[in-house]
Amino acid sequence: MAVKGCKWLIPLGFLVLASGAGAAPLQMHRAVYDLSLGRTEAASDIAGIDGRMVIEWRGGPACGGYTSLQRVVMRVTGLDQAYMSNDIRLSYFEKIDGREFSYTRAEYTDGELTDRDDGTAVRADDGTIELSREGATKRELPAGVLFPVQYQRALVERAERGERIFELVLFDGTEERESPTTIFVSKQAEAGRDKLPDVKGAEVLQSAARWPIRISYFDVESEEGLPNFEMGITVFANGIATGMTLDYIDLEIKAQLKDLTLFEDGTC
């Protein structure tokens, strides 16, 4: 099965904090998504995918920053009906002023720990970032790289200004370096127009503004100029997403909201 190199963890920069004039505050929550296989190419050697993704947000100004937990558990079945399991976990904390970001990422394959990465990124006064990772040489990321909360602030503000295509650079711990991205924003959808999923708590989405967005993620060292991953998602102004489509080079994964737990503001 050609699963090596796929970015199973979902970049967190798309689902953090609305900001700007008239924007709704983030609804602290835990969202559970069912995962399934969409489009696939023969080169992928994959016949099926099933699993779940959990994304949780807590924090805010009273907590000094935002904490996120993400877990993706999948069973990947090959054309020969053999299968493997992936269990990937990411946790991070971003300070409210955007000056420091720390994360832990662990990956298990068939129950065995196969990868782990712990890091802390600190922004200097000139905007450059010093990234320290356990067991690795310190690395400098350029000024202009955004942590997830900063990334979403910039995305929403530019969408509110009516910008439809723009570029931002994200660092969120899912890759060893920064990820250049190109964002395509469709016209803001009418609140209450789309049918909401039949899950408890989804009523908070009824009156929320939303944007259909597509994000292309690039490898900073690639010279081909082609994205290695794309994501289509409808982002609600309160930070909740009902579903998304994850496009890799030779396969597509669909994620659909199945459970939603809402937390009170200021929950750390």
C-alpha atoms as a PDB file:
ATOM      1  CA  MET A   1       0.000   0.000   0.000  1.00  0.00           C
ATOM      2  CA  ALA A   2       1.441   3.364  -1.031  1.00  0.00           C
ATOM      3  CA  VAL A   3       0.657   5.215   2.160  1.00  0.00           C
ATOM      4  CA  LYS A   4       4.095   6.521   3.088  1.00  0.00           C
ATOM      5  CA  GLY A   5       4.431  10.284   2.854  1.00  0.00           C
ATOM      6  CA  CYS A   6       0.713  11.017   3.136  1.00  0.00           C
ATOM      7  CA  LYS A   7      -0.076  13.850   5.498  1.00  0.00           C
ATOM      8  CA  TRP A   8      -2.736  12.064   7.565  1.00  0.00           C
ATOM      9  CA  LEU A   9      -2.816  14.800  10.195  1.00  0.00           C
ATOM     10  CA  ILE A  10      -5.012  17.689   9.188  1.00  0.00           C
ATOM     11  CA  PRO A  11      -3.254  21.085   9.201  1.00  0.00           C
ATOM     12  CA  LEU A  12      -4.737  23.007  12.115  1.00  0.00           C
ATOM     13  CA  GLY A  13      -4.395  26.496  10.690  1.00  0.00           C
ATOM     14  CA  PHE A  14      -7.817  26.381   9.041  1.00  0.00           C
ATOM     15  CA  LEU A  15      -9.880  25.988  12.205  1.00  0.00           C
ATOM     16  CA  VAL A  16      -8.861  28.312  14.981  1.00  0.00           C
ATOM     17  CA  LEU A  17     -10.101  31.805  15.587  1.00  0.00           C
ATOM     18  CA  ALA A  18     -12.335  34.238  13.773  1.00  0.00           C
ATOM     19  CA  SER A  19     -11.352  37.858  14.166  1.00  0.00           C
ATOM     20  CA  GLY A  20     -11.796  41.255  12.628  1.00  0.00           C
ATOM     21  CA  ALA A  21     -14.775  43.578  12.505  1.00  0.00           C
ATOM     22  CA  GLY A  22     -18.042  41.795  13.172  1.00  0.00           C
ATOM     23  CA  ALA A  23     -16.504  38.324  13.319  1.00  0.00           C
ATOM     24  CA  ALA A  24     -17.910  35.766  15.737  1.00  0.00           C
ATOM     25  CA  PRO A  25     -15.725  34.454  18.577  1.00  0.00           C
ATOM     26  CA  LEU A  26     -14.454  30.906  18.461  1.00  0.00           C
ATOM     27  CA  GLN A  27     -16.807  28.325  19.919  1.00  0.00           C
ATOM     28  CA  MET A  28     -14.658  26.046  22.069  1.00  0.00           C
ATOM     29  CA  HIS A  29     -15.573  22.517  21.089  1.00  0.00           C
ATOM     30  CA  ARG A  30     -14.688  18.939  20.348  1.00  0.00           C
ATOM     31  CA  ALA A  31     -15.654  17.683  16.890  1.00  0.00           C
ATOM     32  CA  VAL A  32     -15.616  14.026  15.822  1.00  0.00           C
ATOM     33  CA  TYR A  33     -15.517  13.187  12.105  1.00  0.00           C
ATOM     34  CA  ASP A  34     -16.033   9.878  10.323  1.00  0.00           C
ATOM     35  CA  LEU A  35     -13.386   9.218   7.647  1.00  0.00           C
ATOM     36  CA  SER A  36     -13.963   7.387   4.369  1.00  0.00           C
ATOM     37  CA  LEU A  37     -12.229   6.915   1.041  1.00  0.00           C
ATOM     38  CA  GLY A  38     -13.335   9.134  -1.832  1.00  0.00           C
ATOM     39  CA  ARG A  39     -11.564   9.340  -5.189  1.00  0.00           C
ATOM     40  CA  THR A  40      -8.615   6.992  -5.637  1.00  0.00           C
ATOM     41  CA  GLU A  41      -6.040   6.298  -8.344  1.00  0.00           C
ATOM     42  CA  ALA A  42      -4.680   2.828  -9.164  1.00  0.00           C
ATOM     43  CA  ALA A  43      -1.195   3.971  -8.159  1.00  0.00           C
ATOM     44  CA  SER A  44      -2.311   4.353  -4.547  1.00  0.00           C
ATOM     45  CA  ASP A  45      -2.829   0.575  -4.072  1.00  0.00           C
ATOM     46  CA  ILE A  46      -5.567   1.469  -1.573  1.00  0.00           C
ATOM     47  CA  ALA A  47      -9.010  -0.132  -1.665  1.00  0.00           C
ATOM     48  CA  GLY A  48     -10.574   1.382   1.427  1.00  0.00           C
ATOM     49  CA  ILE A  49     -10.178   3.724   4.386  1.00  0.00           C
ATOM     50  CA  ASP A  50     -12.284   3.934   7.509  1.00  0.00           C
ATOM     51  CA  GLY A  51     -11.642   5.689  10.764  1.00  0.00           C
ATOM     52  CA  ARG A  52     -12.252   8.778  12.859  1.00  0.00           C
ATOM     53  CA  MET A  53     -10.700  12.166  13.430  1.00  0.00           C
ATOM     54  CA  VAL A  54     -11.131  14.182  16.618  1.00  0.00           C
ATOM     55  CA  ILE A  55     -10.268  17.883  16.859  1.00  0.00           C
ATOM     56  CA  GLU A  56     -10.613  19.728  20.171  1.00  0.00           C
ATOM     57  CA  TRP A  57     -10.147  23.418  20.967  1.00  0.00           C
ATOM     58  CA  ARG A  58      -9.882  25.009  24.416  1.00  0.00           C
ATOM     59  CA  GLY A  59      -8.465  28.266  25.734  1.00  0.00           C
ATOM     60  CA  GLY A  60      -8.625  31.969  25.035  1.00  0.00           C
ATOM     61  CA  PRO A  61      -7.319  35.197  26.597  1.00  0.00           C
ATOM     62  CA  ALA A  62      -8.150  34.028  30.144  1.00  0.00           C
ATOM     63  CA  CYS A  63      -5.980  30.948  29.562  1.00  0.00           C
ATOM     64  CA  GLY A  64      -3.018  32.836  28.097  1.00  0.00           C
ATOM     65  CA  GLY A  65      -3.459  31.088  24.768  1.00  0.00           C
ATOM     66  CA  TYR A  66      -5.091  28.256  22.860  1.00  0.00           C
ATOM     67  CA  THR A  67      -4.694  24.513  23.269  1.00  0.00           C
ATOM     68  CA  SER A  68      -5.599  22.025  20.572  1.00  0.00           C
ATOM     69  CA  LEU A  69      -5.693  18.234  20.562  1.00  0.00           C
ATOM     70  CA  GLN A  70      -6.049  16.252  17.352  1.00  0.00           C
ATOM     71  CA  ARG A  71      -6.181  12.509  16.822  1.00  0.00           C
ATOM     72  CA  VAL A  72      -6.614  10.574  13.586  1.00  0.00           C
ATOM     73  CA  VAL A  73      -7.206   6.813  13.772  1.00  0.00           C
ATOM     74  CA  MET A  74      -7.529   5.007  10.431  1.00  0.00           C
ATOM     75  CA  ARG A  75      -7.538   1.514   9.025  1.00  0.00           C
ATOM     76  CA  VAL A  76      -6.160   1.467   5.478  1.00  0.00           C
ATOM     77  CA  THR A  77      -7.022  -1.561   3.320  1.00  0.00           C
ATOM     78  CA  GLY A  78      -4.930  -2.444   0.276  1.00  0.00           C
ATOM     79  CA  LEU A  79      -6.018  -3.943  -3.022  1.00  0.00           C
ATOM     80  CA  ASP A  80      -4.769  -7.302  -1.714  1.00  0.00           C
ATOM     81  CA  GLN A  81      -7.131  -6.896   1.295  1.00  0.00           C
ATOM     82  CA  ALA A  82      -4.192  -6.588   3.688  1.00  0.00           C
ATOM     83  CA  TYR A  83      -4.565  -3.663   6.037  1.00  0.00           C
ATOM     84  CA  MET A  84      -2.586  -1.429   8.348  1.00  0.00           C
ATOM     85  CA  SER A  85      -3.676   0.901  11.129  1.00  0.00           C
ATOM     86  CA  ASN A  86      -2.485   4.466  11.670  1.00  0.00           C
ATOM     87  CA  ASP A  87      -2.952   6.359  14.927  1.00  0.00           C
ATOM     88  CA  ILE A  88      -1.586   9.909  14.842  1.00  0.00           C
ATOM     89  CA  ARG A  89      -1.817  12.357  17.746  1.00  0.00           C
ATOM     90  CA  LEU A  90      -0.975  16.052  17.836  1.00  0.00           C
ATOM     91  CA  SER A  91      -1.233  18.461  20.750  1.00  0.00           C
ATOM     92  CA  TYR A  92      -0.135  22.053  20.873  1.00  0.00           C
ATOM     93  CA  PHE A  93      -0.282  25.340  22.761  1.00  0.00           C
ATOM     94  CA  GLU A  94      -0.004  28.779  21.161  1.00  0.00           C
ATOM     95  CA  LYS A  95       0.443  31.817  23.389  1.00  0.00           C
ATOM     96  CA  ILE A  96      -2.157  34.528  23.050  1.00  0.00           C
ATOM     97  CA  ASP A  97       0.413  37.042  21.700  1.00  0.00           C
ATOM     98  CA  GLY A  98       1.625  34.620  19.020  1.00  0.00           C
ATOM     99  CA  ARG A  99       5.222  34.753  20.246  1.00  0.00           C
ATOM    100  CA  GLU A 100       5.559  31.092  21.205  1.00  0.00           C
ATOM    101  CA  PHE A 101       4.209  27.793  19.932  1.00  0.00           C
ATOM    102  CA  SER A 102       4.901  24.303  21.333  1.00  0.00           C
ATOM    103  CA  TYR A 103       3.729  20.938  20.052  1.00  0.00           C
ATOM    104  CA  THR A 104       4.008  17.170  20.426  1.00  0.00           C
ATOM    105  CA  ARG A 105       3.256  14.790  17.562  1.00  0.00           C
ATOM    106  CA  ALA A 106       3.288  10.981  17.782  1.00  0.00           C
ATOM    107  CA  GLU A 107       2.490   8.350  15.164  1.00  0.00           C
ATOM    108  CA  TYR A 108       1.667   4.690  15.753  1.00  0.00           C
ATOM    109  CA  THR A 109       1.528   2.087  12.977  1.00  0.00           C
ATOM    110  CA  ASP A 110      -0.176  -1.199  13.813  1.00  0.00           C
ATOM    111  CA  GLY A 111       0.126  -0.300  17.490  1.00  0.00           C
ATOM    112  CA  GLU A 112       3.874   0.440  17.420  1.00  0.00           C
ATOM    113  CA  LEU A 113       5.318   3.936  17.931  1.00  0.00           C
ATOM    114  CA  THR A 114       6.971   4.775  14.597  1.00  0.00           C
ATOM    115  CA  ASP A 115       7.535   8.537  14.838  1.00  0.00           C
ATOM    116  CA  ARG A 116       7.573  11.252  17.487  1.00  0.00           C
ATOM    117  CA  ASP A 117       8.395  14.945  17.295  1.00  0.00           C
ATOM    118  CA  ASP A 118       8.447  17.532  20.105  1.00  0.00           C
ATOM    119  CA  GLY A 119       9.187  21.139  19.345  1.00  0.00           C
ATOM    120  CA  THR A 120       9.034  24.745  20.495  1.00  0.00           C
ATOM    121  CA  ALA A 121       9.021  27.726  18.163  1.00  0.00           C
ATOM    122  CA  VAL A 122       9.804  31.204  19.555  1.00  0.00           C
ATOM    123  CA  ARG A 123       9.357  34.406  17.547  1.00  0.00           C
ATOM    124  CA  ALA A 124      12.040  37.096  17.835  1.00  0.00           C
ATOM    125  CA  ASP A 125      11.430  40.852  17.687  1.00  0.00           C
ATOM    126  CA  ASP A 126      12.358  40.908  13.988  1.00  0.00           C
ATOM    127  CA  GLY A 127       9.694  38.274  13.208  1.00  0.00           C
ATOM    128  CA  THR A 128      12.050  35.372  12.566  1.00  0.00           C
ATOM    129  CA  ILE A 129      11.358  32.142  14.447  1.00  0.00           C
ATOM    130  CA  GLU A 130      13.790  29.821  16.219  1.00  0.00           C
ATOM    131  CA  LEU A 131      12.527  26.243  16.078  1.00  0.00           C
ATOM    132  CA  SER A 132      13.910  23.799  18.632  1.00  0.00           C
ATOM    133  CA  ARG A 133      13.093  20.115  18.156  1.00  0.00           C
ATOM    134  CA  GLU A 134      14.123  17.275  20.436  1.00  0.00           C
ATOM    135  CA  GLY A 135      17.171  15.509  19.029  1.00  0.00           C
ATOM    136  CA  ALA A 136      17.582  17.944  16.116  1.00  0.00           C
ATOM    137  CA  THR A 137      19.651  21.023  15.382  1.00  0.00           C
ATOM    138  CA  LYS A 138      17.885  24.336  15.946  1.00  0.00           C
ATOM    139  CA  ARG A 139      16.414  25.828  12.785  1.00  0.00           C
ATOM    140  CA  GLU A 140      15.386  29.356  11.850  1.00  0.00           C
ATOM    141  CA  LEU A 141      12.063  29.931  10.109  1.00  0.00           C
ATOM    142  CA  PRO A 142      11.655  33.174   8.177  1.00  0.00           C
ATOM    143  CA  ALA A 143       9.627  36.176   9.274  1.00  0.00           C
ATOM    144  CA  GLY A 144       6.104  35.977   7.918  1.00  0.00           C
ATOM    145  CA  VAL A 145       5.542  32.370   9.009  1.00  0.00           C
ATOM    146  CA  LEU A 146       2.306  32.149  11.002  1.00  0.00           C
ATOM    147  CA  PHE A 147       1.278  29.852  13.829  1.00  0.00           C
ATOM    148  CA  PRO A 148      -2.256  28.372  13.556  1.00  0.00           C
ATOM    149  CA  VAL A 149      -4.154  31.098  15.452  1.00  0.00           C
ATOM    150  CA  GLN A 150      -2.313  33.840  13.583  1.00  0.00           C
ATOM    151  CA  TYR A 151      -2.912  32.004  10.313  1.00  0.00           C
ATOM    152  CA  GLN A 152      -6.661  31.870  10.817  1.00  0.00           C
ATOM    153  CA  ARG A 153      -6.818  35.511  11.883  1.00  0.00           C
ATOM    154  CA  ALA A 154      -5.087  36.514   8.661  1.00  0.00           C
ATOM    155  CA  LEU A 155      -7.283  34.185   6.589  1.00  0.00           C
ATOM    156  CA  VAL A 156     -10.570  35.491   8.014  1.00  0.00           C
ATOM    157  CA  GLU A 157      -9.545  39.141   7.847  1.00  0.00           C
ATOM    158  CA  ARG A 158      -8.604  38.841   4.184  1.00  0.00           C
ATOM    159  CA  ALA A 159     -11.780  36.907   3.398  1.00  0.00           C
ATOM    160  CA  GLU A 160     -13.809  39.655   5.104  1.00  0.00           C
ATOM    161  CA  ARG A 161     -12.073  42.241   2.920  1.00  0.00           C
ATOM    162  CA  GLY A 162     -13.294  40.344  -0.124  1.00  0.00           C
ATOM    163  CA  GLU A 163      -9.952  38.843  -1.166  1.00  0.00           C
ATOM    164  CA  ARG A 164     -10.504  35.607  -3.065  1.00  0.00           C
ATOM    165  CA  ILE A 165      -6.981  34.284  -3.751  1.00  0.00           C
ATOM    166  CA  PHE A 166      -3.978  34.899  -1.511  1.00  0.00           C
ATOM    167  CA  GLU A 167      -0.944  33.192   0.017  1.00  0.00           C
ATOM    168  CA  LEU A 168      -0.007  32.556   3.667  1.00  0.00           C
ATOM    169  CA  VAL A 169       2.758  30.485   5.262  1.00  0.00           C
ATOM    170  CA  LEU A 170       1.877  28.149   8.138  1.00  0.00           C
ATOM    171  CA  PHE A 171       3.831  26.265  10.780  1.00  0.00           C
ATOM    172  CA  ASP A 172       1.730  23.930  12.952  1.00  0.00           C
ATOM    173  CA  GLY A 173       3.960  20.968  13.820  1.00  0.00           C
ATOM    174  CA  THR A 174       2.545  18.563  11.237  1.00  0.00           C
ATOM    175  CA  GLU A 175       5.688  19.066   9.122  1.00  0.00           C
ATOM    176  CA  GLU A 176       9.331  19.658  10.058  1.00  0.00           C
ATOM    177  CA  ARG A 177       9.340  23.027   8.320  1.00  0.00           C
ATOM    178  CA  GLU A 178       6.895  25.745   7.317  1.00  0.00           C
ATOM    179  CA  SER A 179       4.174  25.063   4.728  1.00  0.00           C
ATOM    180  CA  PRO A 180       3.494  27.706   2.055  1.00  0.00           C
ATOM    181  CA  THR A 181      -0.228  27.732   1.237  1.00  0.00           C
ATOM    182  CA  THR A 182      -2.483  29.255  -1.381  1.00  0.00           C
ATOM    183  CA  ILE A 183      -6.051  29.969  -0.251  1.00  0.00           C
ATOM    184  CA  PHE A 184      -9.055  30.191  -2.572  1.00  0.00           C
ATOM    185  CA  VAL A 185     -12.113  31.747  -0.905  1.00  0.00           C
ATOM    186  CA  SER A 186     -15.586  31.481  -2.429  1.00  0.00           C
ATOM    187  CA  LYS A 187     -18.311  34.025  -1.781  1.00  0.00           C
ATOM    188  CA  GLN A 188     -19.599  34.014   1.807  1.00  0.00           C
ATOM    189  CA  ALA A 189     -22.510  31.587   2.050  1.00  0.00           C
ATOM    190  CA  GLU A 190     -25.856  32.680   3.424  1.00  0.00           C
ATOM    191  CA  ALA A 191     -26.381  31.725   7.073  1.00  0.00           C
ATOM    192  CA  GLY A 192     -28.950  28.956   7.495  1.00  0.00           C
ATOM    193  CA  ARG A 193     -28.995  28.125   3.793  1.00  0.00           C
ATOM    194  CA  ASP A 194     -27.301  24.716   3.942  1.00  0.00           C
ATOM    195  CA  LYS A 195     -28.737  21.650   5.629  1.00  0.00           C
ATOM    196  CA  LEU A 196     -26.927  21.043   8.915  1.00  0.00           C
ATOM    197  CA  PRO A 197     -25.812  17.601  10.098  1.00  0.00           C
ATOM    198  CA  ASP A 198     -28.160  15.858  12.495  1.00  0.00           C
ATOM    199  CA  VAL A 199     -25.862  16.011  15.522  1.00  0.00           C
ATOM    200  CA  LYS A 200     -26.359  17.522  18.956  1.00  0.00           C
ATOM    201  CA  GLY A 201     -24.966  21.060  19.196  1.00  0.00           C
ATOM    202  CA  ALA A 202     -25.145  21.772  15.470  1.00  0.00           C
ATOM    203  CA  GLU A 203     -27.808  24.411  16.112  1.00  0.00           C
ATOM    204  CA  VAL A 204     -25.001  26.908  16.927  1.00  0.00           C
ATOM    205  CA  LEU A 205     -24.209  26.849  13.202  1.00  0.00           C
ATOM    206  CA  GLN A 206     -27.668  27.935  12.079  1.00  0.00           C
ATOM    207  CA  SER A 207     -26.982  31.664  12.117  1.00  0.00           C
ATOM    208  CA  ALA A 208     -23.198  31.568  11.630  1.00  0.00           C
ATOM    209  CA  ALA A 209     -21.561  33.043   8.545  1.00  0.00           C
ATOM    210  CA  ARG A 210     -19.508  30.599   6.488  1.00  0.00           C
ATOM    211  CA  TRP A 211     -16.992  30.514   3.647  1.00  0.00           C
ATOM    212  CA  PRO A 212     -16.311  27.629   1.250  1.00  0.00           C
ATOM    213  CA  ILE A 213     -12.508  27.519   1.139  1.00  0.00           C
ATOM    214  CA  ARG A 214      -9.904  25.472  -0.688  1.00  0.00           C
ATOM    215  CA  ILE A 215      -6.309  25.455   0.553  1.00  0.00           C
ATOM    216  CA  SER A 216      -3.293  24.137  -1.348  1.00  0.00           C
ATOM    217  CA  TYR A 217      -0.282  23.110   0.770  1.00  0.00           C
ATOM    218  CA  PHE A 218       3.219  23.080  -0.709  1.00  0.00           C
ATOM    219  CA  ASP A 219       6.568  21.598   0.289  1.00  0.00           C
ATOM    220  CA  VAL A 220       8.905  24.522   0.920  1.00  0.00           C
ATOM    221  CA  GLU A 221      11.813  22.584  -0.644  1.00  0.00           C
ATOM    222  CA  SER A 222       9.935  21.430  -3.753  1.00  0.00           C
ATOM    223  CA  GLU A 223      10.941  22.935  -7.095  1.00  0.00           C
ATOM    224  CA  GLU A 224       7.976  21.504  -9.014  1.00  0.00           C
ATOM    225  CA  GLY A 225       5.526  24.184  -7.951  1.00  0.00           C
ATOM    226  CA  LEU A 226       2.733  21.656  -7.383  1.00  0.00           C
ATOM    227  CA  PRO A 227       0.850  21.186  -4.098  1.00  0.00           C
ATOM    228  CA  ASN A 228       1.418  17.951  -2.206  1.00  0.00           C
ATOM    229  CA  PHE A 229      -1.922  18.222  -0.425  1.00  0.00           C
ATOM    230  CA  GLU A 230      -5.187  20.151  -0.862  1.00  0.00           C
ATOM    231  CA  MET A 231      -8.176  20.586   1.384  1.00  0.00           C
ATOM    232  CA  GLY A 232     -11.711  21.724   0.644  1.00  0.00           C
ATOM    233  CA  ILE A 233     -13.742  22.886   3.628  1.00  0.00           C
ATOM    234  CA  THR A 234     -16.614  25.131   4.595  1.00  0.00           C
ATOM    235  CA  VAL A 235     -15.440  27.149   7.591  1.00  0.00           C
ATOM    236  CA  PHE A 236     -18.047  28.656   9.907  1.00  0.00           C
ATOM    237  CA  ALA A 237     -17.227  31.994  11.547  1.00  0.00           C
ATOM    238  CA  ASN A 238     -17.361  30.369  15.000  1.00  0.00           C
ATOM    239  CA  GLY A 239     -14.589  27.940  14.081  1.00  0.00           C
ATOM    240  CA  ILE A 240     -16.600  24.757  13.509  1.00  0.00           C
ATOM    241  CA  ALA A 241     -16.474  22.751  10.274  1.00  0.00           C
ATOM    242  CA  THR A 242     -19.147  20.221   9.327  1.00  0.00           C
ATOM    243  CA  GLY A 243     -17.075  18.327   6.799  1.00  0.00           C
ATOM    244  CA  MET A 244     -14.045  18.463   4.568  1.00  0.00           C
ATOM    245  CA  THR A 245     -12.385  16.822   1.592  1.00  0.00           C
ATOM    246  CA  LEU A 246      -8.691  15.959   1.805  1.00  0.00           C
ATOM    247  CA  ASP A 247      -7.002  15.583  -1.581  1.00  0.00           C
ATOM    248  CA  TYR A 248      -3.651  13.818  -1.789  1.00  0.00           C
ATOM    249  CA  ILE A 249      -1.758  13.072  -4.987  1.00  0.00           C
ATOM    250  CA  ASP A 250      -3.439   9.745  -5.662  1.00  0.00           C
ATOM    251  CA  LEU A 251      -6.373   9.532  -3.263  1.00  0.00           C
ATOM    252  CA  GLU A 252      -9.073  11.536  -1.534  1.00  0.00           C
ATOM    253  CA  ILE A 253     -10.323  11.224   2.047  1.00  0.00           C
ATOM    254  CA  LYS A 254     -13.705  12.534   3.127  1.00  0.00           C
ATOM    255  CA  ALA A 255     -14.428  13.677   6.685  1.00  0.00           C
ATOM    256  CA  GLN A 256     -18.007  14.180   7.909  1.00  0.00           C
ATOM    257  CA  LEU A 257     -19.047  15.612  11.284  1.00  0.00           C
ATOM    258  CA  LYS A 258     -20.699  12.954  13.469  1.00  0.00           C
ATOM    259  CA  ASP A 259     -20.470  14.320  17.016  1.00  0.00           C
ATOM    260  CA  LEU A 260     -20.091  17.805  18.470  1.00  0.00           C
ATOM    261  CA  THR A 261     -19.439  18.779  22.095  1.00  0.00           C
ATOM    262  CA  LEU A 262     -19.525  22.467  23.022  1.00  0.00           C
ATOM    263  CA  PHE A 263     -17.401  23.932  25.835  1.00  0.00           C
ATOM    264  CA  GLU A 264     -18.024  27.126  27.780  1.00  0.00           C
ATOM    265  CA  ASP A 265     -15.915  30.174  26.971  1.00  0.00           C
ATOM    266  CA  GLY A 266     -12.672  30.339  28.919  1.00  0.00           C
ATOM    267  CA  THR A 267     -12.387  26.559  29.310  1.00  0.00           C
ATOM    268  CA  CYS A 268      -8.638  25.926  29.581  1.00  0.00           C
END
